[in-house]
């Protein structure tokens, strides 16, 4: 059966994979700081993303097969989302840099976004 390749087109919403990893700030934090400050702030960040129109499709946390600070690959958790626009993705990343209640999440994690579209052979 022949498969016709269609030229790539970036429609909206955009398919985005966010690649995340803990940094030394996470590993240097106390268990109390992780439970009471960092993790609640991350949860609030994800709620803010949802309010911006991001829709989480899937997540992967590969911590079952590694411990310690990420080496290679450089990331340990992945979020696959549909996001309304490239501007929204940039704003989502920027929220990680913002000081909220005395905390900047970029001090405890790395985050990178890759934009694309659904893979045409599996999601026509």
Protein backbone atom coordinates (compact mmCIF):
# COMPACT_ATOMS: atom_id res chain seq x y z
CA UNK A 1 0.00 0.00 0.00
CA UNK A 2 1.45 3.35 -1.04
CA UNK A 3 1.66 6.16 1.47
CA UNK A 4 1.52 9.68 0.15
CA UNK A 5 3.72 12.12 2.03
CA UNK A 6 2.12 15.48 2.61
CA UNK A 7 4.35 18.53 2.90
CA UNK A 8 4.66 19.56 6.58
CA UNK A 9 2.24 22.19 7.78
CA UNK A 10 2.24 23.80 11.20
CA UNK A 11 -1.39 24.12 12.15
CA UNK A 12 -2.77 25.01 15.51
CA UNK A 13 -2.79 23.74 18.10
CA UNK A 14 0.92 22.98 18.04
CA UNK A 15 2.16 19.65 19.31
CA UNK A 16 4.84 20.36 21.90
CA UNK A 17 7.07 18.10 23.94
CA UNK A 18 8.50 19.70 27.05
CA UNK A 19 11.72 18.07 28.22
CA UNK A 20 12.44 18.58 31.89
CA UNK A 21 15.13 17.70 34.39
CA UNK A 22 15.99 18.42 37.98
CA UNK A 23 19.11 20.48 38.52
CA UNK A 24 21.47 20.83 41.46
CA UNK A 25 18.96 23.19 43.12
CA UNK A 26 16.53 20.28 43.42
CA UNK A 27 19.18 17.90 44.70
CA UNK A 28 20.51 20.46 47.19
CA UNK A 29 17.01 21.23 48.53
CA UNK A 30 15.80 19.58 51.70
CA UNK A 31 12.99 17.07 51.59
CA UNK A 32 10.84 19.63 53.38
CA UNK A 33 11.58 22.30 50.73
CA UNK A 34 10.78 19.84 47.95
CA UNK A 35 7.43 18.82 49.53
CA UNK A 36 6.31 22.23 50.78
CA UNK A 37 7.73 24.67 48.23
CA UNK A 38 9.06 23.19 44.99
CA UNK A 39 6.48 20.53 44.16
CA UNK A 40 3.48 22.76 45.01
CA UNK A 41 5.00 25.52 42.87
CA UNK A 42 5.45 23.09 39.96
CA UNK A 43 1.85 21.92 40.31
CA UNK A 44 0.70 25.56 40.25
CA UNK A 45 2.83 26.16 37.14
CA UNK A 46 1.11 23.31 35.31
CA UNK A 47 -2.30 24.74 36.33
CA UNK A 48 -1.21 28.13 34.90
CA UNK A 49 -0.25 26.39 31.65
CA UNK A 50 -3.70 24.83 31.45
CA UNK A 51 -5.27 28.27 31.94
CA UNK A 52 -3.17 29.46 28.97
CA UNK A 53 -4.80 26.82 26.77
CA UNK A 54 -2.24 24.01 26.99
CA UNK A 55 -3.77 20.54 26.96
CA UNK A 56 -1.70 17.68 28.38
CA UNK A 57 -1.88 14.60 26.15
CA UNK A 58 0.70 12.36 27.82
CA UNK A 59 3.59 12.36 30.29
CA UNK A 60 6.65 10.18 30.84
CA UNK A 61 8.89 10.18 33.90
CA UNK A 62 11.82 7.82 33.39
CA UNK A 63 13.00 7.90 37.01
CA UNK A 64 12.42 4.17 37.41
CA UNK A 65 15.71 3.38 35.70
CA UNK A 66 18.02 6.14 36.93
CA UNK A 67 18.95 8.07 40.05
CA UNK A 68 20.83 11.31 40.63
CA UNK A 69 21.24 14.33 38.42
CA UNK A 70 20.57 13.59 34.73
CA UNK A 71 23.61 12.86 32.57
CA UNK A 72 22.85 11.51 29.14
CA UNK A 73 20.12 11.93 28.10
CA UNK A 74 19.88 15.29 29.80
CA UNK A 75 16.19 15.01 30.65
CA UNK A 76 14.17 12.75 32.93
CA UNK A 77 10.57 13.82 32.40
CA UNK A 78 8.59 14.66 29.32
CA UNK A 79 5.22 16.34 28.83
CA UNK A 80 3.42 16.07 25.48
CA UNK A 81 0.90 18.85 25.01
CA UNK A 82 -1.22 20.62 22.46
CA UNK A 83 -0.59 24.36 22.82
CA UNK A 84 -2.46 27.16 21.01
CA UNK A 85 0.57 29.00 19.57
CA UNK A 86 4.34 29.46 19.59
CA UNK A 87 3.79 32.65 21.60
CA UNK A 88 2.00 30.59 24.26
CA UNK A 89 4.91 28.13 24.40
CA UNK A 90 7.34 31.03 24.95
CA UNK A 91 5.09 32.43 27.69
CA UNK A 92 4.89 28.99 29.34
CA UNK A 93 8.68 28.71 29.42
CA UNK A 94 8.94 32.27 30.74
CA UNK A 95 6.75 31.39 33.73
CA UNK A 96 9.53 29.07 34.91
CA UNK A 97 11.80 32.15 35.17
CA UNK A 98 9.26 34.23 37.14
CA UNK A 99 9.64 34.69 40.87
CA UNK A 100 6.50 33.43 42.59
CA UNK A 101 6.37 33.53 46.38
CA UNK A 102 10.16 33.83 46.55
CA UNK A 103 10.78 30.89 44.22
CA UNK A 104 12.05 30.68 40.67
CA UNK A 105 11.61 27.20 39.25
CA UNK A 106 14.57 27.69 36.91
CA UNK A 107 16.73 27.36 40.03
CA UNK A 108 15.64 23.74 40.51
CA UNK A 109 14.88 22.47 37.00
CA UNK A 110 15.74 22.75 33.34
CA UNK A 111 12.99 22.93 30.76
CA UNK A 112 13.11 22.88 26.98
CA UNK A 113 10.30 22.83 24.43
CA UNK A 114 10.29 21.21 21.02
CA UNK A 115 7.51 22.18 18.65
CA UNK A 116 6.10 20.09 15.87
CA UNK A 117 2.95 18.42 14.68
CA UNK A 118 1.36 15.02 15.15
CA UNK A 119 3.23 12.25 13.31
CA UNK A 120 1.27 11.79 10.07
CA UNK A 121 1.48 7.97 9.95
CA UNK A 122 -0.04 7.55 13.40
CA UNK A 123 -2.28 10.62 13.68
CA UNK A 124 -3.61 11.52 10.24
